[in-house]
Every structure is written in C-alpha cells, then in structure tokens.
C-alpha cells in the first residue's frame, strides 16, 4: 500500500516509498532530458565543464523518473588527449543513482574511439546524455573540442512537442499532369508518446500558363484521407496552403500528401504547362488530446 505525494510518514511508518515517488514524477514528463542549465564546455585540461542545472533521469520506465540537480563543476573523470590521426566523440552525461551503488548524482564523460568516421560511445544504463563533444586529432585539452549534435530537453506531459514531422520536395512534377490519377507528392513519418492533437500544414506553389487549372490535394494520415480540397492555379506562382487538425493515438504514424488534376478537365487542359515545383508538409504537435 502506498500513500500520495505530499503525505507525511505516519506513526506506523506508512509514507511515500521512493519507487512510488519516482513513478509519480514519471507521469509529469513525456521524456527524459534537460530541464534547465547543464551546458557543456571545454577546459584548458582534459576535464569538461558543466554548468549548474536540472535534468529528468531514469533507470528505465519500470523504475520511474528522477529530477536530478547538479550544482555545476567539472566531470568526475578526465579523458585522454586526442589521437594523433583521428577525431573521436566524447559523451558527457548525468547518472542519478537511486541506491546502487549510492544515492548520488554523478557527472561523467564517456570517451569515444578515434576513427575516420567517429561514433558516440555507448553510455551506461540510466545515463542521461548532456552533450556530445567532437575531439579533433592531436587535441591536448578539451577546449579544442566542439559541440557535436544538440541537447535533448525534457518536455512536460501535456506540453507541445513542437514540430514532429517534416518533408520537403523541390523537384518538378509537371509530367504527372497528363492524367487525372492521384500521385504521391510527399511522405513523412512521426511519433508521439501519448494520444495527441496534431496540426498538418501543407504548402505548394503550382503554376499554370494560359487558362490555368485545378489540382486536388489530399492529406492522408496512416493512409486514410483526412482532408481534401481543390487548389486553383494560374499564371501567378503564389503559395497555396492546405491545413488539417485532428487527433492521433500514441505511437508512430505517417502523413502522406497526394495530388491529382481535377476530374472532368481535358487531359491536356493544363498538361505540360503546369509546374508543380516546391512542396512542403509539416506536422506539429498541439498537446495531449484530453
């Protein structure tokens, strides 16, 4: 039996056990990552400097999450000088132990292997990556290293994940307009951690000489049509838009854009005079669906 967060231990010793505490924290967040601070930089020696900050860490979903504070300082361990020939990638991380082997928050660095095409080293279980650093060949201090990749930030449950999918194609699809079949324009995949509200933004710039014509554009989520509209194009190459707002379940999804010449027009009505250069689709997360 457990008690709620914020309830003190009673005279019989009943109170919030650590695992329940971590499971409650787990429900506050969509993912592990940096909450604030924890910027990594090089030094004039072979340690890395890390600014003060807080991160959401985990030993695994079954163990819940912790919110770990690091007061700022250097990594506990140093790395070796750079290889004489190849670069390497070092990974600076936090490890918030929960009893094994201690209850401390450790700031460490995993040293990568020098290679012509270096890859990041494998981190220990529970490690929360703060930053990868690219160490050039011959480096004698970490200030010679440069940031490699971006930092991963923790997102509160219910907060927007921002852009979760995007696809761009600048090729010319003029040749497809000799028929009225639907043709594939764009495809992107995206994943969401919970049932989410999404916004799809499709942009295109069709251009037709003469009397112009119509293009039927279709937004599909997981191969099902969710929005379809006629887009008129003439000899002014302006941007056209098609939007969709809806809900998807937790997991991986696809967003496909299809287009066809309007049925009933002569096959050569717009024919090769239609240019369809420049298309982009973006999928935005708008938060949890309920």
C-alpha atoms as a PDB file:
ATOM      1  CA  UNK A   1       0.000   0.000   0.000  1.00  0.00           C
ATOM      2  CA  UNK A   2       1.277   3.464  -0.858  1.00  0.00           C
ATOM      3  CA  UNK A   3       0.366   6.999   0.099  1.00  0.00           C
ATOM      4  CA  UNK A   4       0.136  10.128  -2.005  1.00  0.00           C
ATOM      5  CA  UNK A   5       2.856  12.605  -2.845  1.00  0.00           C
ATOM      6  CA  UNK A   6       2.842  15.309  -0.177  1.00  0.00           C
ATOM      7  CA  UNK A   7       1.636  12.997   2.617  1.00  0.00           C
ATOM      8  CA  UNK A   8       3.972  12.691   5.599  1.00  0.00           C
ATOM      9  CA  UNK A   9       5.062   9.396   7.124  1.00  0.00           C
ATOM     10  CA  UNK A  10       2.698   8.390   9.959  1.00  0.00           C
ATOM     11  CA  UNK A  11       3.492   6.806  13.325  1.00  0.00           C
ATOM     12  CA  UNK A  12       3.326   3.345  11.772  1.00  0.00           C
ATOM     13  CA  UNK A  13       5.910   4.236   9.147  1.00  0.00           C
ATOM     14  CA  UNK A  14       3.409   4.470   6.301  1.00  0.00           C
ATOM     15  CA  UNK A  15       4.516   7.015   3.730  1.00  0.00           C
ATOM     16  CA  UNK A  16       5.610   7.516   0.186  1.00  0.00           C
ATOM     17  CA  UNK A  17       8.228   4.967  -0.823  1.00  0.00           C
ATOM     18  CA  UNK A  18      10.961   6.044  -3.287  1.00  0.00           C
ATOM     19  CA  UNK A  19       9.684   3.945  -6.209  1.00  0.00           C
ATOM     20  CA  UNK A  20       6.184   5.421  -5.959  1.00  0.00           C
ATOM     21  CA  UNK A  21       7.732   8.876  -5.782  1.00  0.00           C
ATOM     22  CA  UNK A  22       9.683   8.182  -8.993  1.00  0.00           C
ATOM     23  CA  UNK A  23       6.572   6.811 -10.696  1.00  0.00           C
ATOM     24  CA  UNK A  24       4.651   9.985  -9.866  1.00  0.00           C
ATOM     25  CA  UNK A  25       7.466  12.110 -11.301  1.00  0.00           C
ATOM     26  CA  UNK A  26       7.410   9.874 -14.398  1.00  0.00           C
ATOM     27  CA  UNK A  27       3.830  10.987 -15.125  1.00  0.00           C
ATOM     28  CA  UNK A  28       4.890  14.631 -15.145  1.00  0.00           C
ATOM     29  CA  UNK A  29       7.118  14.197 -18.193  1.00  0.00           C
ATOM     30  CA  UNK A  30       6.940  12.920 -21.764  1.00  0.00           C
ATOM     31  CA  UNK A  31      10.617  12.022 -21.808  1.00  0.00           C
ATOM     32  CA  UNK A  32      13.929  12.275 -20.026  1.00  0.00           C
ATOM     33  CA  UNK A  33      16.138  15.255 -20.812  1.00  0.00           C
ATOM     34  CA  UNK A  34      17.461  18.577 -19.608  1.00  0.00           C
ATOM     35  CA  UNK A  35      15.096  20.875 -17.718  1.00  0.00           C
ATOM     36  CA  UNK A  36      17.467  23.846 -17.402  1.00  0.00           C
ATOM     37  CA  UNK A  37      21.183  24.602 -17.472  1.00  0.00           C
ATOM     38  CA  UNK A  38      23.769  21.803 -17.791  1.00  0.00           C
ATOM     39  CA  UNK A  39      25.667  23.440 -20.655  1.00  0.00           C
ATOM     40  CA  UNK A  40      28.881  21.577 -21.512  1.00  0.00           C
ATOM     41  CA  UNK A  41      32.119  23.319 -22.461  1.00  0.00           C
ATOM     42  CA  UNK A  42      35.810  22.531 -22.754  1.00  0.00           C
ATOM     43  CA  UNK A  43      38.614  23.498 -20.401  1.00  0.00           C
ATOM     44  CA  UNK A  44      42.365  24.005 -20.502  1.00  0.00           C
ATOM     45  CA  UNK A  45      42.834  20.448 -19.195  1.00  0.00           C
ATOM     46  CA  UNK A  46      41.246  17.092 -20.031  1.00  0.00           C
ATOM     47  CA  UNK A  47      38.071  17.512 -17.956  1.00  0.00           C
ATOM     48  CA  UNK A  48      34.821  19.003 -19.240  1.00  0.00           C
ATOM     49  CA  UNK A  49      32.974  21.849 -17.507  1.00  0.00           C
ATOM     50  CA  UNK A  50      29.224  21.572 -16.899  1.00  0.00           C
ATOM     51  CA  UNK A  51      27.056  24.445 -15.662  1.00  0.00           C
ATOM     52  CA  UNK A  52      24.526  24.066 -12.846  1.00  0.00           C
ATOM     53  CA  UNK A  53      21.169  22.677 -13.832  1.00  0.00           C
ATOM     54  CA  UNK A  54      18.451  20.062 -13.503  1.00  0.00           C
ATOM     55  CA  UNK A  55      17.647  17.042 -15.661  1.00  0.00           C
ATOM     56  CA  UNK A  56      14.979  14.344 -15.756  1.00  0.00           C
ATOM     57  CA  UNK A  57      16.750  10.989 -15.464  1.00  0.00           C
ATOM     58  CA  UNK A  58      15.647   7.374 -15.395  1.00  0.00           C
ATOM     59  CA  UNK A  59      16.954   3.854 -14.867  1.00  0.00           C
ATOM     60  CA  UNK A  60      14.051   2.658 -17.046  1.00  0.00           C
ATOM     61  CA  UNK A  61      10.284   3.166 -17.272  1.00  0.00           C
ATOM     62  CA  UNK A  62       9.614   0.498 -14.654  1.00  0.00           C
ATOM     63  CA  UNK A  63      11.772   2.443 -12.210  1.00  0.00           C
ATOM     64  CA  UNK A  64      10.131   5.807 -12.913  1.00  0.00           C
ATOM     65  CA  UNK A  65      11.931   9.140 -13.268  1.00  0.00           C
ATOM     66  CA  UNK A  66      14.058  11.327 -11.007  1.00  0.00           C
ATOM     67  CA  UNK A  67      14.673  15.063 -11.193  1.00  0.00           C
ATOM     68  CA  UNK A  68      18.408  15.406 -10.672  1.00  0.00           C
ATOM     69  CA  UNK A  69      20.201  18.622  -9.696  1.00  0.00           C
ATOM     70  CA  UNK A  70      23.894  19.168 -10.488  1.00  0.00           C
ATOM     71  CA  UNK A  71      25.499  22.165  -8.792  1.00  0.00           C
ATOM     72  CA  UNK A  72      27.954  22.800 -11.621  1.00  0.00           C
ATOM     73  CA  UNK A  73      31.622  21.976 -11.908  1.00  0.00           C
ATOM     74  CA  UNK A  74      33.693  19.509 -13.871  1.00  0.00           C
ATOM     75  CA  UNK A  75      33.184  15.915 -14.898  1.00  0.00           C
ATOM     76  CA  UNK A  76      34.362  13.468 -12.244  1.00  0.00           C
ATOM     77  CA  UNK A  77      36.687  11.768 -14.695  1.00  0.00           C
ATOM     78  CA  UNK A  78      39.078  13.098 -17.330  1.00  0.00           C
ATOM     79  CA  UNK A  79      39.604  11.907 -20.889  1.00  0.00           C
ATOM     80  CA  UNK A  80      42.786  11.174 -22.812  1.00  0.00           C
ATOM     81  CA  UNK A  81      44.444  13.573 -25.221  1.00  0.00           C
ATOM     82  CA  UNK A  82      43.346  13.383 -28.830  1.00  0.00           C
ATOM     83  CA  UNK A  83      44.539  10.615 -31.115  1.00  0.00           C
ATOM     84  CA  UNK A  84      47.421  11.500 -33.421  1.00  0.00           C
ATOM     85  CA  UNK A  85      45.415  10.673 -36.548  1.00  0.00           C
ATOM     86  CA  UNK A  86      41.672  10.531 -35.973  1.00  0.00           C
ATOM     87  CA  UNK A  87      38.967  12.530 -34.203  1.00  0.00           C
ATOM     88  CA  UNK A  88      36.629  10.990 -31.612  1.00  0.00           C
ATOM     89  CA  UNK A  89      33.307  11.770 -29.933  1.00  0.00           C
ATOM     90  CA  UNK A  90      33.067  12.086 -26.134  1.00  0.00           C
ATOM     91  CA  UNK A  91      29.687  11.970 -24.383  1.00  0.00           C
ATOM     92  CA  UNK A  92      29.147  13.980 -21.185  1.00  0.00           C
ATOM     93  CA  UNK A  93      26.274  12.619 -19.071  1.00  0.00           C
ATOM     94  CA  UNK A  94      24.495  12.628 -15.726  1.00  0.00           C
ATOM     95  CA  UNK A  95      23.862   9.460 -13.745  1.00  0.00           C
ATOM     96  CA  UNK A  96      21.339   9.795 -10.914  1.00  0.00           C
ATOM     97  CA  UNK A  97      21.751   6.688  -8.779  1.00  0.00           C
ATOM     98  CA  UNK A  98      18.904   5.531  -6.563  1.00  0.00           C
ATOM     99  CA  UNK A  99      20.686   3.340  -4.037  1.00  0.00           C
ATOM    100  CA  UNK A 100      23.026   1.208  -6.136  1.00  0.00           C
ATOM    101  CA  UNK A 101      25.868   1.816  -5.636  1.00  0.00           C
ATOM    102  CA  UNK A 102      24.965   5.116  -3.937  1.00  0.00           C
ATOM    103  CA  UNK A 103      22.337   7.882  -3.876  1.00  0.00           C
ATOM    104  CA  UNK A 104      24.444  10.492  -5.642  1.00  0.00           C
ATOM    105  CA  UNK A 105      24.156  12.424  -8.902  1.00  0.00           C
ATOM    106  CA  UNK A 106      27.312  11.864 -10.912  1.00  0.00           C
ATOM    107  CA  UNK A 107      28.512  13.966 -13.837  1.00  0.00           C
ATOM    108  CA  UNK A 108      30.761  11.823 -16.007  1.00  0.00           C
ATOM    109  CA  UNK A 109      32.192  11.586 -19.511  1.00  0.00           C
ATOM    110  CA  UNK A 110      32.405   8.521 -21.733  1.00  0.00           C
ATOM    111  CA  UNK A 111      35.376   8.671 -24.078  1.00  0.00           C
ATOM    112  CA  UNK A 112      34.800   7.664 -27.683  1.00  0.00           C
ATOM    113  CA  UNK A 113      37.012   5.675 -30.018  1.00  0.00           C
ATOM    114  CA  UNK A 114      39.093   7.601 -32.599  1.00  0.00           C
ATOM    115  CA  UNK A 115      38.053   6.801 -36.164  1.00  0.00           C
ATOM    116  CA  UNK A 116      37.861   8.265 -39.640  1.00  0.00           C
ATOM    117  CA  UNK A 117      34.087   8.476 -39.077  1.00  0.00           C
ATOM    118  CA  UNK A 118      33.773   8.520 -35.271  1.00  0.00           C
ATOM    119  CA  UNK A 119      30.602   7.473 -33.460  1.00  0.00           C
ATOM    120  CA  UNK A 120      29.431   8.287 -29.945  1.00  0.00           C
ATOM    121  CA  UNK A 121      30.314   5.784 -27.213  1.00  0.00           C
ATOM    122  CA  UNK A 122      27.735   3.573 -25.517  1.00  0.00           C
ATOM    123  CA  UNK A 123      26.573   5.019 -22.203  1.00  0.00           C
ATOM    124  CA  UNK A 124      25.898   3.004 -19.025  1.00  0.00           C
ATOM    125  CA  UNK A 125      22.309   2.128 -18.057  1.00  0.00           C
ATOM    126  CA  UNK A 126      20.480   5.137 -16.613  1.00  0.00           C
ATOM    127  CA  UNK A 127      22.864   7.696 -18.102  1.00  0.00           C
ATOM    128  CA  UNK A 128      21.246  10.916 -19.344  1.00  0.00           C
ATOM    129  CA  UNK A 129      23.267  12.416 -22.177  1.00  0.00           C
ATOM    130  CA  UNK A 130      24.017  16.117 -21.754  1.00  0.00           C
ATOM    131  CA  UNK A 131      26.159  16.761 -24.817  1.00  0.00           C
ATOM    132  CA  UNK A 132      28.376  15.041 -27.348  1.00  0.00           C
ATOM    133  CA  UNK A 133      31.733  16.704 -27.980  1.00  0.00           C
ATOM    134  CA  UNK A 134      33.919  16.197 -31.053  1.00  0.00           C
ATOM    135  CA  UNK A 135      37.594  15.964 -30.096  1.00  0.00           C
ATOM    136  CA  UNK A 136      39.960  16.677 -33.014  1.00  0.00           C
ATOM    137  CA  UNK A 137      43.112  14.688 -33.661  1.00  0.00           C
ATOM    138  CA  UNK A 138      46.039  15.864 -31.585  1.00  0.00           C
ATOM    139  CA  UNK A 139      43.952  17.782 -29.019  1.00  0.00           C
ATOM    140  CA  UNK A 140      45.737  18.287 -25.689  1.00  0.00           C
ATOM    141  CA  UNK A 141      42.800  19.945 -23.882  1.00  0.00           C
ATOM    142  CA  UNK A 142      39.019  19.738 -24.067  1.00  0.00           C
ATOM    143  CA  UNK A 143      38.711  23.393 -25.095  1.00  0.00           C
ATOM    144  CA  UNK A 144      39.779  22.143 -28.535  1.00  0.00           C
ATOM    145  CA  UNK A 145      36.596  20.030 -28.697  1.00  0.00           C
ATOM    146  CA  UNK A 146      33.454  21.319 -30.403  1.00  0.00           C
ATOM    147  CA  UNK A 147      29.785  20.637 -29.726  1.00  0.00           C
ATOM    148  CA  UNK A 148      28.514  17.655 -31.701  1.00  0.00           C
ATOM    149  CA  UNK A 149      24.737  17.423 -32.024  1.00  0.00           C
ATOM    150  CA  UNK A 150      22.097  19.157 -29.921  1.00  0.00           C
ATOM    151  CA  UNK A 151      20.943  18.828 -26.327  1.00  0.00           C
ATOM    152  CA  UNK A 152      17.814  16.847 -25.534  1.00  0.00           C
ATOM    153  CA  UNK A 153      15.246  18.676 -23.393  1.00  0.00           C
ATOM    154  CA  UNK A 154      12.568  17.169 -21.171  1.00  0.00           C
ATOM    155  CA  UNK A 155       9.031  18.088 -22.229  1.00  0.00           C
ATOM    156  CA  UNK A 156       6.270  18.276 -19.596  1.00  0.00           C
ATOM    157  CA  UNK A 157       3.338  15.922 -20.073  1.00  0.00           C
ATOM    158  CA  UNK A 158       0.657  17.816 -21.969  1.00  0.00           C
ATOM    159  CA  UNK A 159       3.101  20.347 -23.370  1.00  0.00           C
ATOM    160  CA  UNK A 160       3.578  20.725 -27.107  1.00  0.00           C
ATOM    161  CA  UNK A 161       6.333  18.674 -28.707  1.00  0.00           C
ATOM    162  CA  UNK A 162       6.644  21.260 -31.461  1.00  0.00           C
ATOM    163  CA  UNK A 163       7.359  20.033 -34.988  1.00  0.00           C
ATOM    164  CA  UNK A 164       7.285  16.221 -35.040  1.00  0.00           C
ATOM    165  CA  UNK A 165       7.407  15.627 -38.794  1.00  0.00           C
ATOM    166  CA  UNK A 166       8.533  17.406 -41.957  1.00  0.00           C
ATOM    167  CA  UNK A 167       9.115  16.609 -45.627  1.00  0.00           C
ATOM    168  CA  UNK A 168      10.217  18.879 -48.488  1.00  0.00           C
ATOM    169  CA  UNK A 169      10.499  18.178 -52.224  1.00  0.00           C
ATOM    170  CA  UNK A 170      11.643  20.830 -54.687  1.00  0.00           C
ATOM    171  CA  UNK A 171      11.521  18.665 -57.815  1.00  0.00           C
ATOM    172  CA  UNK A 172       9.113  19.417 -60.682  1.00  0.00           C
ATOM    173  CA  UNK A 173       6.070  17.156 -61.016  1.00  0.00           C
ATOM    174  CA  UNK A 174       4.913  18.632 -64.334  1.00  0.00           C
ATOM    175  CA  UNK A 175       4.953  15.259 -66.096  1.00  0.00           C
ATOM    176  CA  UNK A 176       2.269  13.684 -63.886  1.00  0.00           C
ATOM    177  CA  UNK A 177      -0.483  16.003 -65.069  1.00  0.00           C
ATOM    178  CA  UNK A 178      -1.156  14.073 -68.282  1.00  0.00           C
ATOM    179  CA  UNK A 179      -3.813  12.072 -66.372  1.00  0.00           C
ATOM    180  CA  UNK A 180      -6.277  12.566 -63.506  1.00  0.00           C
ATOM    181  CA  UNK A 181      -4.913   9.885 -61.153  1.00  0.00           C
ATOM    182  CA  UNK A 182      -3.680  10.753 -57.681  1.00  0.00           C
ATOM    183  CA  UNK A 183       0.085  10.899 -57.397  1.00  0.00           C
ATOM    184  CA  UNK A 184       2.308  10.809 -54.347  1.00  0.00           C
ATOM    185  CA  UNK A 185       3.740  14.232 -53.523  1.00  0.00           C
ATOM    186  CA  UNK A 186       5.289  13.906 -50.062  1.00  0.00           C
ATOM    187  CA  UNK A 187       5.622  11.437 -47.196  1.00  0.00           C
ATOM    188  CA  UNK A 188       6.837  11.959 -43.648  1.00  0.00           C
ATOM    189  CA  UNK A 189       6.763   9.798 -40.529  1.00  0.00           C
ATOM    190  CA  UNK A 190       6.325  10.988 -36.957  1.00  0.00           C
ATOM    191  CA  UNK A 191       5.892   9.566 -33.474  1.00  0.00           C
ATOM    192  CA  UNK A 192       4.048  10.819 -30.394  1.00  0.00           C
ATOM    193  CA  UNK A 193       4.275   9.466 -26.823  1.00  0.00           C
ATOM    194  CA  UNK A 194       0.566   9.780 -25.985  1.00  0.00           C
ATOM    195  CA  UNK A 195      -2.734  10.443 -27.758  1.00  0.00           C
ATOM    196  CA  UNK A 196      -2.114  13.892 -29.231  1.00  0.00           C
ATOM    197  CA  UNK A 197      -3.721  16.704 -31.166  1.00  0.00           C
ATOM    198  CA  UNK A 198      -1.806  17.453 -34.367  1.00  0.00           C
ATOM    199  CA  UNK A 199      -1.803  20.220 -36.958  1.00  0.00           C
ATOM    200  CA  UNK A 200      -0.733  19.456 -40.555  1.00  0.00           C
ATOM    201  CA  UNK A 201       0.457  22.361 -42.712  1.00  0.00           C
ATOM    202  CA  UNK A 202       0.855  21.632 -46.440  1.00  0.00           C
ATOM    203  CA  UNK A 203       2.343  24.297 -48.726  1.00  0.00           C
ATOM    204  CA  UNK A 204       2.759  24.192 -52.500  1.00  0.00           C
ATOM    205  CA  UNK A 205       3.252  26.575 -55.405  1.00  0.00           C
ATOM    206  CA  UNK A 206       1.582  25.215 -58.575  1.00  0.00           C
ATOM    207  CA  UNK A 207       1.832  27.404 -61.663  1.00  0.00           C
ATOM    208  CA  UNK A 208      -0.117  27.063 -64.915  1.00  0.00           C
ATOM    209  CA  UNK A 209       0.069  29.010 -68.167  1.00  0.00           C
ATOM    210  CA  UNK A 210      -2.930  30.007 -70.214  1.00  0.00           C
ATOM    211  CA  UNK A 211      -6.334  29.432 -68.648  1.00  0.00           C
ATOM    212  CA  UNK A 212      -4.865  27.540 -65.672  1.00  0.00           C
ATOM    213  CA  UNK A 213      -6.489  24.606 -63.967  1.00  0.00           C
ATOM    214  CA  UNK A 214      -7.238  22.882 -60.662  1.00  0.00           C
ATOM    215  CA  UNK A 215      -5.236  20.440 -58.582  1.00  0.00           C
ATOM    216  CA  UNK A 216      -6.977  18.250 -55.999  1.00  0.00           C
ATOM    217  CA  UNK A 217      -4.716  17.947 -52.953  1.00  0.00           C
ATOM    218  CA  UNK A 218      -5.217  15.274 -50.305  1.00  0.00           C
ATOM    219  CA  UNK A 219      -3.798  14.928 -46.782  1.00  0.00           C
ATOM    220  CA  UNK A 220      -3.611  11.326 -45.549  1.00  0.00           C
ATOM    221  CA  UNK A 221      -2.807  10.129 -42.026  1.00  0.00           C
ATOM    222  CA  UNK A 222      -1.812   6.452 -41.854  1.00  0.00           C
ATOM    223  CA  UNK A 223      -3.014   6.065 -45.454  1.00  0.00           C
ATOM    224  CA  UNK A 224      -6.544   7.328 -44.689  1.00  0.00           C
ATOM    225  CA  UNK A 225      -7.746  10.581 -46.280  1.00  0.00           C
ATOM    226  CA  UNK A 226      -8.468  13.197 -43.616  1.00  0.00           C
ATOM    227  CA  UNK A 227      -8.631  16.341 -45.762  1.00  0.00           C
ATOM    228  CA  UNK A 228      -9.102  17.032 -49.468  1.00  0.00           C
ATOM    229  CA  UNK A 229      -9.513  20.310 -51.305  1.00  0.00           C
ATOM    230  CA  UNK A 230      -9.317  21.830 -54.767  1.00  0.00           C
ATOM    231  CA  UNK A 231      -6.430  24.208 -55.345  1.00  0.00           C
ATOM    232  CA  UNK A 232      -6.769  26.538 -58.322  1.00  0.00           C
ATOM    233  CA  UNK A 233      -3.572  27.555 -60.080  1.00  0.00           C
ATOM    234  CA  UNK A 234      -2.976  30.113 -62.816  1.00  0.00           C
ATOM    235  CA  UNK A 235      -0.027  32.024 -64.223  1.00  0.00           C
ATOM    236  CA  UNK A 236       0.769  33.620 -60.871  1.00  0.00           C
ATOM    237  CA  UNK A 237       3.152  31.403 -58.918  1.00  0.00           C
ATOM    238  CA  UNK A 238       1.863  32.194 -55.436  1.00  0.00           C
ATOM    239  CA  UNK A 239       1.913  29.895 -52.413  1.00  0.00           C
ATOM    240  CA  UNK A 240      -1.111  27.707 -51.705  1.00  0.00           C
ATOM    241  CA  UNK A 241      -1.967  26.146 -48.343  1.00  0.00           C
ATOM    242  CA  UNK A 242      -3.966  23.208 -47.032  1.00  0.00           C
ATOM    243  CA  UNK A 243      -4.398  22.550 -43.298  1.00  0.00           C
ATOM    244  CA  UNK A 244      -5.702  19.731 -41.123  1.00  0.00           C
ATOM    245  CA  UNK A 245      -6.292  19.484 -37.374  1.00  0.00           C
ATOM    246  CA  UNK A 246      -7.012  16.137 -35.764  1.00  0.00           C
ATOM    247  CA  UNK A 247      -6.077  13.546 -33.163  1.00  0.00           C
ATOM    248  CA  UNK A 248      -3.705  10.573 -33.394  1.00  0.00           C
ATOM    249  CA  UNK A 249      -3.020   7.786 -30.926  1.00  0.00           C
ATOM    250  CA  UNK A 250       0.301   7.168 -29.201  1.00  0.00           C
ATOM    251  CA  UNK A 251       2.912   5.609 -31.481  1.00  0.00           C
ATOM    252  CA  UNK A 252       4.326   6.000 -34.982  1.00  0.00           C
ATOM    253  CA  UNK A 253       2.339   7.468 -37.875  1.00  0.00           C
ATOM    254  CA  UNK A 254       2.655   8.559 -41.495  1.00  0.00           C
ATOM    255  CA  UNK A 255       1.495  11.743 -43.182  1.00  0.00           C
ATOM    256  CA  UNK A 256       1.198  11.490 -46.960  1.00  0.00           C
ATOM    257  CA  UNK A 257       0.290  14.186 -49.495  1.00  0.00           C
ATOM    258  CA  UNK A 258      -1.387  13.100 -52.714  1.00  0.00           C
ATOM    259  CA  UNK A 259      -2.457  15.278 -55.658  1.00  0.00           C
ATOM    260  CA  UNK A 260      -4.404  14.872 -58.888  1.00  0.00           C
ATOM    261  CA  UNK A 261      -5.632  17.042 -61.731  1.00  0.00           C
ATOM    262  CA  UNK A 262      -9.314  17.812 -61.324  1.00  0.00           C
ATOM    263  CA  UNK A 263     -11.555  15.160 -62.880  1.00  0.00           C
ATOM    264  CA  UNK A 264     -13.519  16.448 -65.884  1.00  0.00           C
ATOM    265  CA  UNK A 265     -10.781  18.661 -67.264  1.00  0.00           C
ATOM    266  CA  UNK A 266      -9.325  17.658 -70.596  1.00  0.00           C
ATOM    267  CA  UNK A 267      -6.194  15.585 -70.176  1.00  0.00           C
ATOM    268  CA  UNK A 268      -4.181  18.276 -71.930  1.00  0.00           C
ATOM    269  CA  UNK A 269      -6.038  21.177 -70.269  1.00  0.00           C
ATOM    270  CA  UNK A 270      -3.025  22.062 -68.179  1.00  0.00           C
ATOM    271  CA  UNK A 271      -0.738  19.303 -69.434  1.00  0.00           C
ATOM    272  CA  UNK A 272       2.951  20.130 -69.506  1.00  0.00           C
ATOM    273  CA  UNK A 273       2.219  23.828 -68.969  1.00  0.00           C
ATOM    274  CA  UNK A 274       1.686  23.150 -65.241  1.00  0.00           C
ATOM    275  CA  UNK A 275       4.701  23.476 -62.994  1.00  0.00           C
ATOM    276  CA  UNK A 276       4.489  21.981 -59.503  1.00  0.00           C
ATOM    277  CA  UNK A 277       7.875  22.908 -58.076  1.00  0.00           C
ATOM    278  CA  UNK A 278       8.203  23.318 -54.325  1.00  0.00           C
ATOM    279  CA  UNK A 279       6.114  21.364 -51.798  1.00  0.00           C
ATOM    280  CA  UNK A 280       6.472  21.051 -48.055  1.00  0.00           C
ATOM    281  CA  UNK A 281       4.454  19.397 -45.303  1.00  0.00           C
ATOM    282  CA  UNK A 282       4.927  19.956 -41.590  1.00  0.00           C
ATOM    283  CA  UNK A 283       3.283  18.078 -38.738  1.00  0.00           C
ATOM    284  CA  UNK A 284       3.004  19.968 -35.447  1.00  0.00           C
ATOM    285  CA  UNK A 285       2.075  18.567 -32.055  1.00  0.00           C
ATOM    286  CA  UNK A 286      -0.559  20.603 -30.184  1.00  0.00           C
ATOM    287  CA  UNK A 287      -0.525  18.702 -26.893  1.00  0.00           C
ATOM    288  CA  UNK A 288      -2.447  15.824 -25.371  1.00  0.00           C
ATOM    289  CA  UNK A 289      -5.892  15.127 -26.794  1.00  0.00           C
ATOM    290  CA  UNK A 290      -7.595  15.050 -23.378  1.00  0.00           C
END
